[in-house]
Amino acid sequence: MFYTVIGTQWGDEGKGKIVDWLSSKADVVVRFQGGNNAGHTLKIKEKIFKLNLLPSGIIRGKQCIIGNGVILDPWALEEEIQILKKQGIVINSKNLQIAENICLILPLHIILDEINEKNRGEEKLGTTKKGIGPAYEDKIGRRAIRLCDLSDEKLLRKKITNLISFHSVRLIHFDKKINEADLINKLLKVFNKISQYLAPTWKILNDYGKKEKIILFEGAQGALLDIDFGTYPFVTSSNTSSGQIFAGTGFGIKDNHQVFGITKAYTTRVGSGPFPSELFDEIGNYLVVKGKEFGTVTKRKRRCGWFDTILVKQTVQINGVSNIVLTKLDVLDELNEIKICVGYKIDNSNYDYLPFNENLQQRILPIYKIIPGWKSSTFGITEWSDLPKNAQNYINYIEEVIKTKISIISTGPERSQTIDRNNILSNI
């Protein structure tokens, strides 16, 4: 069986907990896109683990793979490995493999990312400045340095020279310099530390598939940040949708595949871009504080707003989501009334989807359905019948509008604090 976990909003939906749960059942856990610009926080037996590149299954001792769709900062990877080892996590070539054709983030890319963001002025995208975008640009431009290139020093030197030469005009203009010899030495040094993980991961994965292993594909960012289907240009530089699994790993399309969509009980976003249901009042501030809405990687305060059924329904359809996992319901416990965005009004027209045109997006007026609050705690509840009636009504209404089962409700950070409404998790 094959499972995928994706965020159905702009990220930070609480994927870590459900990924950890599923990874405990899985044989293999796979990353298929993004880089160290995304973060997962796992709490296991009072221990906190922060992950940026490594699949969450590494904490459980599972077979983990970082696919070719990921963009890899080798120094960030080595640092993350060392931190986890100090926390008692075993990481070696037996439980971690990295695609030999994965493309690398270099210090050059971080410099270019900072230049690009600064040049945008008031139109900043709000990137993490981790070099993700420029690295993907070099990948598409067919000039990237791949992990396998580090095994051939002669080839590496040639490719580094060509890469720096390509970017030289821009670097000179902004008075930035790259020491070519120093960069090559640093790459060779870090390769000595991580070369043991290099492998033909596409072949390994397909072999596991033939053996009917349980494989979990772990999305790193929200679907609304997808380069094609997100709120462009305020998106990440990769495809965050479930369709990227196959291109980002080399794993062939299979029938027995379930997609879990992680959805926060309200909506948040980090950085710039449209946000139809955003709140600018005391309730918005309440959600920030109550929900502890600060970015795992950036530490930036997240923008908060009401649940948007239009966006979630759209990402559900694009990603083939079979079950919704609703998180952070307890954040809404103290509110007298709760609004749900059920449609958009742009000028004199109503929309039941998010149009891609940026000017239209800026003119969206949300249409709300008001639901009475429940004014009692849902924290830690494990049975559907124990939820306050109005909380049940809230969930049922969302489920009806997005036309997808909300099968799992997270009521706290611990694995035990979960309502497995349709016995989905228990049957895996």
Protein backbone atom coordinates (compact mmCIF):
# COMPACT_ATOMS: atom_id res chain seq x y z
CA MET A 1 0.00 0.00 0.00
CA PHE A 2 1.17 3.53 -0.77
CA TYR A 3 0.26 6.62 1.20
CA THR A 4 0.88 10.31 0.64
CA VAL A 5 0.58 13.14 3.16
CA ILE A 6 0.18 16.68 1.85
CA GLY A 7 -0.89 19.99 3.33
CA THR A 8 -4.05 21.35 1.72
CA GLN A 9 -3.41 25.00 2.61
CA TRP A 10 -0.27 27.21 2.63
CA GLY A 11 1.74 24.90 4.86
CA ASP A 12 2.07 24.60 8.64
CA GLU A 13 -1.05 22.43 8.80
CA GLY A 14 0.42 20.08 11.39
CA LYS A 15 1.65 17.34 9.08
CA GLY A 16 4.34 16.16 11.50
CA LYS A 17 2.06 14.26 13.86
CA ILE A 18 0.11 12.34 11.20
CA VAL A 19 3.30 11.65 9.25
CA ASP A 20 4.85 10.25 12.42
CA TRP A 21 1.80 8.06 13.01
CA LEU A 22 1.79 6.72 9.47
CA SER A 23 5.56 6.32 9.42
CA SER A 24 5.30 4.01 12.43
CA LYS A 25 3.24 1.70 10.19
CA ALA A 26 5.29 2.22 7.02
CA ASP A 27 8.30 0.29 5.79
CA VAL A 28 9.67 3.21 3.80
CA VAL A 29 9.25 7.01 4.15
CA VAL A 30 10.10 9.26 1.20
CA ARG A 31 10.63 13.00 0.60
CA PHE A 32 9.82 14.00 -2.98
CA GLN A 33 10.10 17.82 -3.24
CA GLY A 34 11.28 21.03 -1.63
CA GLY A 35 14.35 21.57 0.46
CA ASN A 36 15.36 22.78 3.90
CA ASN A 37 12.90 25.67 3.59
CA ALA A 38 10.22 23.51 5.20
CA GLY A 39 10.13 22.20 8.74
CA HIS A 40 8.44 19.44 10.71
CA THR A 41 8.33 19.33 14.49
CA LEU A 42 7.74 15.94 16.12
CA LYS A 43 7.04 15.33 19.80
CA ILE A 44 7.73 11.75 20.86
CA LYS A 45 7.75 10.81 24.55
CA GLU A 46 8.47 14.38 25.65
CA LYS A 47 11.35 14.66 23.18
CA ILE A 48 11.17 17.34 20.48
CA PHE A 49 12.67 16.63 17.07
CA LYS A 50 12.97 19.30 14.38
CA LEU A 51 13.38 18.14 10.80
CA ASN A 52 14.00 20.14 7.63
CA LEU A 53 15.35 17.67 5.09
CA LEU A 54 15.16 14.18 6.56
CA PRO A 55 11.90 12.23 6.28
CA SER A 56 10.06 11.96 9.59
CA GLY A 57 10.41 8.18 9.57
CA ILE A 58 14.08 8.53 10.48
CA ILE A 59 13.01 9.14 14.09
CA ARG A 60 11.27 5.75 14.08
CA GLY A 61 14.21 3.90 12.56
CA LYS A 62 12.40 3.42 9.25
CA GLN A 63 13.94 3.11 5.82
CA CYS A 64 14.10 6.70 4.54
CA ILE A 65 14.67 8.06 1.06
CA ILE A 66 15.27 11.60 -0.17
CA GLY A 67 14.17 11.65 -3.80
CA ASN A 68 15.49 13.53 -6.80
CA GLY A 69 12.64 16.06 -6.63
CA VAL A 70 14.19 17.50 -3.47
CA ILE A 71 16.81 20.24 -3.75
CA LEU A 72 19.63 19.44 -1.30
CA ASP A 73 21.82 21.70 0.80
CA PRO A 74 24.53 19.16 1.71
CA TRP A 75 25.84 21.19 4.67
CA ALA A 76 22.33 21.60 6.11
CA LEU A 77 21.82 17.86 5.70
CA GLU A 78 25.05 17.01 7.52
CA GLU A 79 24.18 19.41 10.33
CA GLU A 80 20.69 17.92 10.70
CA ILE A 81 22.12 14.39 10.78
CA GLN A 82 24.60 15.32 13.50
CA ILE A 83 21.93 17.01 15.64
CA LEU A 84 19.67 13.95 15.45
CA LYS A 85 22.55 11.59 16.22
CA LYS A 86 23.23 13.59 19.39
CA GLN A 87 19.56 13.04 20.26
CA GLY A 88 20.10 9.30 20.01
CA ILE A 89 18.76 8.71 16.48
CA VAL A 90 20.59 6.07 14.42
CA ILE A 91 21.32 7.26 10.86
CA ASN A 92 23.45 5.27 8.45
CA SER A 93 23.53 4.02 4.87
CA LYS A 94 21.16 1.19 5.77
CA ASN A 95 18.24 3.42 6.78
CA LEU A 96 18.92 6.54 4.67
CA GLN A 97 19.42 6.77 0.91
CA ILE A 98 19.62 9.92 -1.19
CA ALA A 99 19.01 10.06 -4.93
CA GLU A 100 22.32 10.19 -6.76
CA ASN A 101 20.80 12.63 -9.30
CA ILE A 102 19.54 15.08 -6.67
CA CYS A 103 20.54 18.71 -7.37
CA LEU A 104 22.43 20.76 -4.80
CA ILE A 105 22.03 24.13 -3.14
CA LEU A 106 25.34 25.99 -3.03
CA PRO A 107 26.35 29.16 -1.13
CA LEU A 108 26.03 30.84 -4.53
CA HIS A 109 22.30 30.14 -4.54
CA ILE A 110 21.80 31.64 -1.09
CA ILE A 111 23.54 34.83 -2.25
CA LEU A 112 21.38 34.97 -5.38
CA ASP A 113 18.24 34.37 -3.31
CA GLU A 114 19.08 37.35 -1.08
CA ILE A 115 19.82 39.54 -4.12
CA ASN A 116 16.57 38.55 -5.83
CA GLU A 117 14.43 39.19 -2.78
CA LYS A 118 16.05 42.56 -2.06
CA ASN A 119 15.56 43.64 -5.69
CA ARG A 120 11.84 42.94 -5.54
CA GLY A 121 11.39 45.81 -3.08
CA GLU A 122 7.75 46.10 -2.03
CA GLU A 123 6.90 43.06 -4.16
CA LYS A 124 8.94 40.66 -2.04
CA LEU A 125 7.79 37.05 -2.15
CA GLY A 126 8.74 36.36 1.45
CA THR A 127 11.16 33.54 0.65
CA THR A 128 13.16 31.79 3.36
CA LYS A 129 16.39 32.88 1.58
CA LYS A 130 17.68 29.33 1.73
CA GLY A 131 18.67 29.35 -1.95
CA ILE A 132 15.78 27.11 -2.99
CA GLY A 133 14.52 29.13 -5.96
CA PRO A 134 17.90 29.84 -7.61
CA ALA A 135 18.90 26.19 -7.18
CA TYR A 136 15.74 25.02 -8.93
CA GLU A 137 16.39 27.61 -11.66
CA ASP A 138 19.82 26.10 -12.27
CA LYS A 139 18.29 22.65 -12.32
CA ILE A 140 15.80 23.62 -15.01
CA GLY A 141 18.57 25.51 -16.84
CA ARG A 142 20.58 22.25 -16.95
CA ARG A 143 23.59 23.70 -15.20
CA ALA A 144 23.04 22.38 -11.66
CA ILE A 145 25.57 20.45 -9.61
CA ARG A 146 24.19 17.02 -8.74
CA LEU A 147 25.21 14.84 -5.82
CA CYS A 148 26.76 12.26 -8.14
CA ASP A 149 28.99 14.99 -9.63
CA LEU A 150 30.90 15.22 -6.36
CA SER A 151 32.39 11.77 -6.95
CA ASP A 152 34.30 13.05 -10.00
CA GLU A 153 36.58 15.96 -9.06
CA LYS A 154 37.57 16.76 -12.64
CA LEU A 155 33.93 16.95 -13.74
CA LEU A 156 32.99 18.90 -10.63
CA ARG A 157 35.64 21.57 -11.26
CA LYS A 158 34.45 22.02 -14.84
CA LYS A 159 30.80 22.32 -13.82
CA ILE A 160 31.53 24.74 -10.97
CA THR A 161 33.56 26.96 -13.32
CA ASN A 162 30.71 27.02 -15.84
CA LEU A 163 28.10 27.70 -13.15
CA ILE A 164 29.96 30.63 -11.61
CA SER A 165 30.69 32.00 -15.07
CA PHE A 166 26.98 31.92 -15.91
CA HIS A 167 26.12 33.97 -12.81
CA SER A 168 29.23 36.19 -12.93
CA VAL A 169 27.59 39.30 -14.39
CA ARG A 170 24.97 39.38 -11.66
CA LEU A 171 27.51 38.65 -8.93
CA ILE A 172 29.85 41.40 -10.13
CA HIS A 173 26.99 43.90 -10.42
CA PHE A 174 26.10 43.36 -6.76
CA ASP A 175 29.72 43.17 -5.63
CA LYS A 176 29.52 39.52 -4.61
CA LYS A 177 32.34 37.03 -4.99
CA ILE A 178 32.54 33.24 -4.97
CA ASN A 179 35.90 31.62 -4.23
CA GLU A 180 35.82 28.75 -6.70
CA ALA A 181 38.66 26.73 -5.17
CA ASP A 182 37.25 27.14 -1.67
CA LEU A 183 33.77 26.05 -2.81
CA ILE A 184 35.13 22.92 -4.50
CA ASN A 185 37.12 21.99 -1.39
CA LYS A 186 34.05 22.44 0.81
CA LEU A 187 31.97 20.29 -1.54
CA LEU A 188 34.55 17.50 -1.57
CA LYS A 189 34.81 17.66 2.21
CA VAL A 190 31.06 17.42 2.80
CA PHE A 191 30.79 14.67 0.18
CA ASN A 192 33.17 12.56 2.24
CA LYS A 193 30.64 12.76 5.06
CA ILE A 194 27.46 12.07 3.08
CA SER A 195 28.63 9.94 0.13
CA GLN A 196 27.59 6.77 1.97
CA TYR A 197 23.93 7.75 1.46
CA LEU A 198 24.12 8.14 -2.33
CA ALA A 199 22.05 5.50 -4.16
CA PRO A 200 19.82 4.76 -7.21
CA THR A 201 16.74 5.50 -5.14
CA TRP A 202 14.31 5.15 -8.06
CA LYS A 203 15.34 1.49 -8.40
CA ILE A 204 15.20 0.84 -4.66
CA LEU A 205 11.70 2.32 -4.43
CA ASN A 206 10.31 0.32 -7.35
CA ASP A 207 11.80 -2.86 -5.88
CA TYR A 208 10.01 -2.08 -2.61
CA GLY A 209 6.80 -1.56 -4.56
CA LYS A 210 7.07 -4.99 -6.15
CA LYS A 211 7.54 -6.50 -2.68
CA GLU A 212 4.29 -4.79 -1.55
CA LYS A 213 6.02 -2.75 1.11
CA ILE A 214 4.08 0.07 2.80
CA ILE A 215 5.53 3.29 1.37
CA LEU A 216 4.75 6.75 2.76
CA PHE A 217 5.42 9.82 0.61
CA GLU A 218 5.88 12.89 2.78
CA GLY A 219 5.00 16.31 1.39
CA ALA A 220 7.03 19.16 2.81
CA GLN A 221 4.87 22.21 2.03
CA GLY A 222 1.26 23.16 1.46
CA ALA A 223 -0.45 22.52 -1.87
CA LEU A 224 -1.31 26.22 -2.22
CA LEU A 225 2.42 26.89 -2.55
CA ASP A 226 2.66 24.70 -5.66
CA ILE A 227 4.54 26.43 -8.50
CA ASP A 228 1.71 25.61 -10.94
CA PHE A 229 -1.45 25.45 -8.83
CA GLY A 230 -0.63 27.79 -5.96
CA THR A 231 -1.04 31.54 -5.58
CA TYR A 232 1.65 32.37 -8.13
CA PRO A 233 4.10 34.14 -7.89
CA PHE A 234 3.80 33.90 -4.08
CA VAL A 235 4.67 30.22 -4.11
CA THR A 236 7.64 27.94 -3.64
CA SER A 237 9.82 26.82 -6.56
CA SER A 238 8.68 23.21 -6.70
CA ASN A 239 5.51 21.22 -7.26
CA THR A 240 4.10 20.52 -3.81
CA SER A 241 1.10 18.59 -5.14
CA SER A 242 0.77 14.81 -4.99
CA GLY A 243 1.46 14.47 -8.72
CA GLN A 244 5.10 15.39 -8.02
CA ILE A 245 5.60 12.05 -6.27
CA PHE A 246 6.30 10.21 -9.49
CA ALA A 247 8.60 12.77 -11.11
CA GLY A 248 10.31 13.50 -7.78
CA THR A 249 11.14 9.89 -6.99
CA GLY A 250 10.98 7.82 -10.18
CA PHE A 251 8.31 5.64 -8.57
CA GLY A 252 5.81 4.34 -11.11
CA ILE A 253 2.09 5.17 -10.81
CA LYS A 254 0.16 2.58 -8.80
CA ASP A 255 -3.56 1.99 -8.15
CA ASN A 256 -3.54 1.27 -4.40
CA HIS A 257 -2.59 4.77 -3.33
CA GLN A 258 -4.29 6.89 -0.64
CA VAL A 259 -3.72 10.61 -0.18
CA PHE A 260 -4.19 12.19 3.25
CA GLY A 261 -4.84 15.93 3.16
CA ILE A 262 -3.79 17.72 6.35
CA THR A 263 -6.02 20.70 7.02
CA LYS A 264 -5.92 23.21 9.85
CA ALA A 265 -9.28 24.11 11.43
CA TYR A 266 -8.60 27.70 10.36
CA THR A 267 -6.19 29.12 7.76
CA THR A 268 -2.65 30.46 8.08
CA ARG A 269 0.01 31.75 5.76
CA VAL A 270 3.64 32.89 6.06
CA GLY A 271 4.95 35.58 3.73
CA SER A 272 3.28 37.62 1.03
CA GLY A 273 0.43 36.77 -1.31
CA PRO A 274 -3.36 36.70 -1.46
CA PHE A 275 -5.31 35.46 1.55
CA PRO A 276 -9.08 35.96 1.07
CA SER A 277 -10.19 35.04 4.61
CA GLU A 278 -7.35 36.81 6.46
CA LEU A 279 -8.24 38.51 9.74
CA PHE A 280 -6.78 41.84 10.84
CA ASP A 281 -8.68 42.18 14.11
CA GLU A 282 -8.46 40.85 17.65
CA ILE A 283 -9.65 37.39 16.54
CA GLY A 284 -6.74 37.18 14.10
CA ASN A 285 -4.36 38.07 16.93
CA TYR A 286 -6.08 35.54 19.18
CA LEU A 287 -5.46 32.77 16.62
CA VAL A 288 -1.78 33.72 16.44
CA VAL A 289 -1.33 33.50 20.21
CA LYS A 290 -3.61 30.53 20.91
CA GLY A 291 -2.33 28.54 17.93
CA LYS A 292 1.33 29.52 18.50
CA GLU A 293 1.49 30.56 14.88
CA PHE A 294 5.15 31.22 14.28
CA GLY A 295 7.09 29.59 11.42
CA THR A 296 9.18 26.50 12.22
CA VAL A 297 11.98 27.63 9.89
CA THR A 298 11.55 31.42 9.63
CA LYS A 299 10.11 32.12 13.13
CA ARG A 300 7.93 34.72 11.41
CA LYS A 301 4.43 35.37 12.73
CA ARG A 302 1.89 33.64 10.52
CA ARG A 303 -1.05 35.48 9.03
CA CYS A 304 -4.31 33.96 10.31
CA GLY A 305 -7.86 33.78 8.98
CA TRP A 306 -11.06 31.76 8.86
CA PHE A 307 -11.32 28.32 7.27
CA ASP A 308 -11.60 28.64 3.48
CA THR A 309 -13.59 25.80 1.91
CA ILE A 310 -12.93 27.09 -1.61
CA LEU A 311 -9.18 26.67 -1.28
CA VAL A 312 -9.34 23.31 0.46
CA LYS A 313 -11.87 21.89 -1.99
CA GLN A 314 -9.66 23.02 -4.86
CA THR A 315 -6.54 21.35 -3.46
CA VAL A 316 -8.50 18.22 -2.57
CA GLN A 317 -9.50 17.82 -6.21
CA ILE A 318 -6.06 18.60 -7.66
CA ASN A 319 -4.30 16.21 -5.29
CA GLY A 320 -6.82 13.36 -5.28
CA VAL A 321 -7.23 13.57 -1.52
CA SER A 322 -9.13 10.58 -0.12
CA ASN A 323 -9.24 11.57 3.56
CA ILE A 324 -8.91 14.85 5.45
CA VAL A 325 -7.02 15.12 8.73
CA LEU A 326 -8.26 18.19 10.64
CA THR A 327 -5.80 19.76 13.08
CA LYS A 328 -5.85 22.44 15.79
CA LEU A 329 -9.59 22.30 16.39
CA ASP A 330 -8.98 23.26 20.02
CA VAL A 331 -7.66 26.69 18.97
CA LEU A 332 -11.27 27.65 18.19
CA ASP A 333 -12.65 26.45 21.54
CA GLU A 334 -13.14 29.90 23.13
CA LEU A 335 -14.79 31.70 20.22
CA ASN A 336 -18.46 32.74 20.42
CA GLU A 337 -18.99 32.31 16.71
CA ILE A 338 -16.89 30.97 13.86
CA LYS A 339 -16.97 31.96 10.21
CA ILE A 340 -16.35 29.64 7.28
CA CYS A 341 -15.56 31.03 3.84
CA VAL A 342 -17.91 29.30 1.38
CA GLY A 343 -17.50 31.43 -1.74
CA TYR A 344 -15.82 34.43 -3.35
CA LYS A 345 -17.32 37.59 -4.77
CA ILE A 346 -15.20 39.46 -7.32
CA ASP A 347 -16.83 42.65 -8.61
CA ASN A 348 -20.33 41.46 -9.53
CA SER A 349 -19.53 37.79 -10.03
CA ASN A 350 -19.46 34.82 -7.64
CA TYR A 351 -16.69 32.22 -7.81
CA ASP A 352 -16.54 28.71 -6.39
CA TYR A 353 -12.81 28.43 -7.09
CA LEU A 354 -9.67 30.57 -6.83
CA PRO A 355 -8.90 32.15 -10.22
CA PHE A 356 -5.24 32.27 -11.19
CA ASN A 357 -5.36 35.91 -12.37
CA GLU A 358 -3.48 38.00 -9.79
CA ASN A 359 -5.66 41.09 -10.23
CA LEU A 360 -8.80 39.06 -9.63
CA GLN A 361 -7.26 37.49 -6.53
CA GLN A 362 -6.59 40.93 -5.07
CA ARG A 363 -10.28 41.89 -5.42
CA ILE A 364 -11.77 38.83 -3.73
CA LEU A 365 -14.42 39.42 -1.09
CA PRO A 366 -15.09 36.27 0.96
CA ILE A 367 -18.64 34.99 1.45
CA TYR A 368 -19.11 33.58 4.96
CA LYS A 369 -21.29 31.04 6.71
CA ILE A 370 -21.50 31.71 10.46
CA ILE A 371 -21.39 28.75 12.83
CA PRO A 372 -22.04 29.08 16.60
CA GLY A 373 -18.98 28.33 18.73
CA TRP A 374 -18.92 25.55 21.32
CA LYS A 375 -17.23 27.42 24.21
CA SER A 376 -15.78 24.27 25.76
CA SER A 377 -12.51 22.40 25.49
CA THR A 378 -11.89 19.85 22.74
CA PHE A 379 -8.26 19.36 23.74
CA GLY A 380 -7.27 15.71 24.07
CA ILE A 381 -10.67 14.26 23.13
CA THR A 382 -10.36 10.85 21.48
CA GLU A 383 -13.97 9.97 20.66
CA TRP A 384 -16.24 11.70 18.15
CA SER A 385 -19.23 11.40 20.48
CA ASP A 386 -17.37 13.38 23.17
CA LEU A 387 -16.94 16.45 20.98
CA PRO A 388 -19.31 19.35 21.73
CA LYS A 389 -22.31 19.29 19.42
CA ASN A 390 -21.41 22.60 17.79
CA ALA A 391 -17.88 21.34 17.12
CA GLN A 392 -19.42 18.33 15.40
CA ASN A 393 -21.66 20.66 13.40
CA TYR A 394 -18.62 22.72 12.36
CA ILE A 395 -16.77 19.66 11.10
CA ASN A 396 -19.80 18.15 9.40
CA TYR A 397 -20.54 21.39 7.56
CA ILE A 398 -16.98 21.68 6.24
CA GLU A 399 -17.08 18.04 5.21
CA GLU A 400 -20.32 18.61 3.33
CA VAL A 401 -18.96 21.62 1.43
CA ILE A 402 -15.57 20.18 0.45
CA LYS A 403 -17.20 16.80 -0.32
CA THR A 404 -14.42 14.83 1.32
CA LYS A 405 -14.45 12.79 4.53
CA ILE A 406 -12.86 14.40 7.57
CA SER A 407 -11.81 11.03 8.92
CA ILE A 408 -9.22 12.07 11.48
CA ILE A 409 -9.29 14.95 13.95
CA SER A 410 -6.18 15.92 15.88
CA THR A 411 -7.02 17.32 19.31
CA GLY A 412 -3.48 17.80 20.62
CA PRO A 413 0.20 17.23 19.81
CA GLU A 414 0.37 13.69 21.20
CA ARG A 415 -0.45 10.69 19.00
CA SER A 416 -3.05 9.57 21.53
CA GLN A 417 -4.88 12.91 21.20
CA THR A 418 -6.61 11.88 17.99
CA ILE A 419 -10.12 11.00 16.88
CA ASP A 420 -9.90 8.20 14.31
CA ARG A 421 -13.45 8.80 13.17
CA ASN A 422 -13.61 6.11 10.47
CA ASN A 423 -10.94 3.78 11.88
CA ILE A 424 -8.61 4.76 9.04
CA LEU A 425 -5.41 4.77 11.08
CA SER A 426 -6.24 1.67 13.07
CA ASN A 427 -6.75 -0.31 9.86
CA ILE A 428 -3.41 0.57 8.28
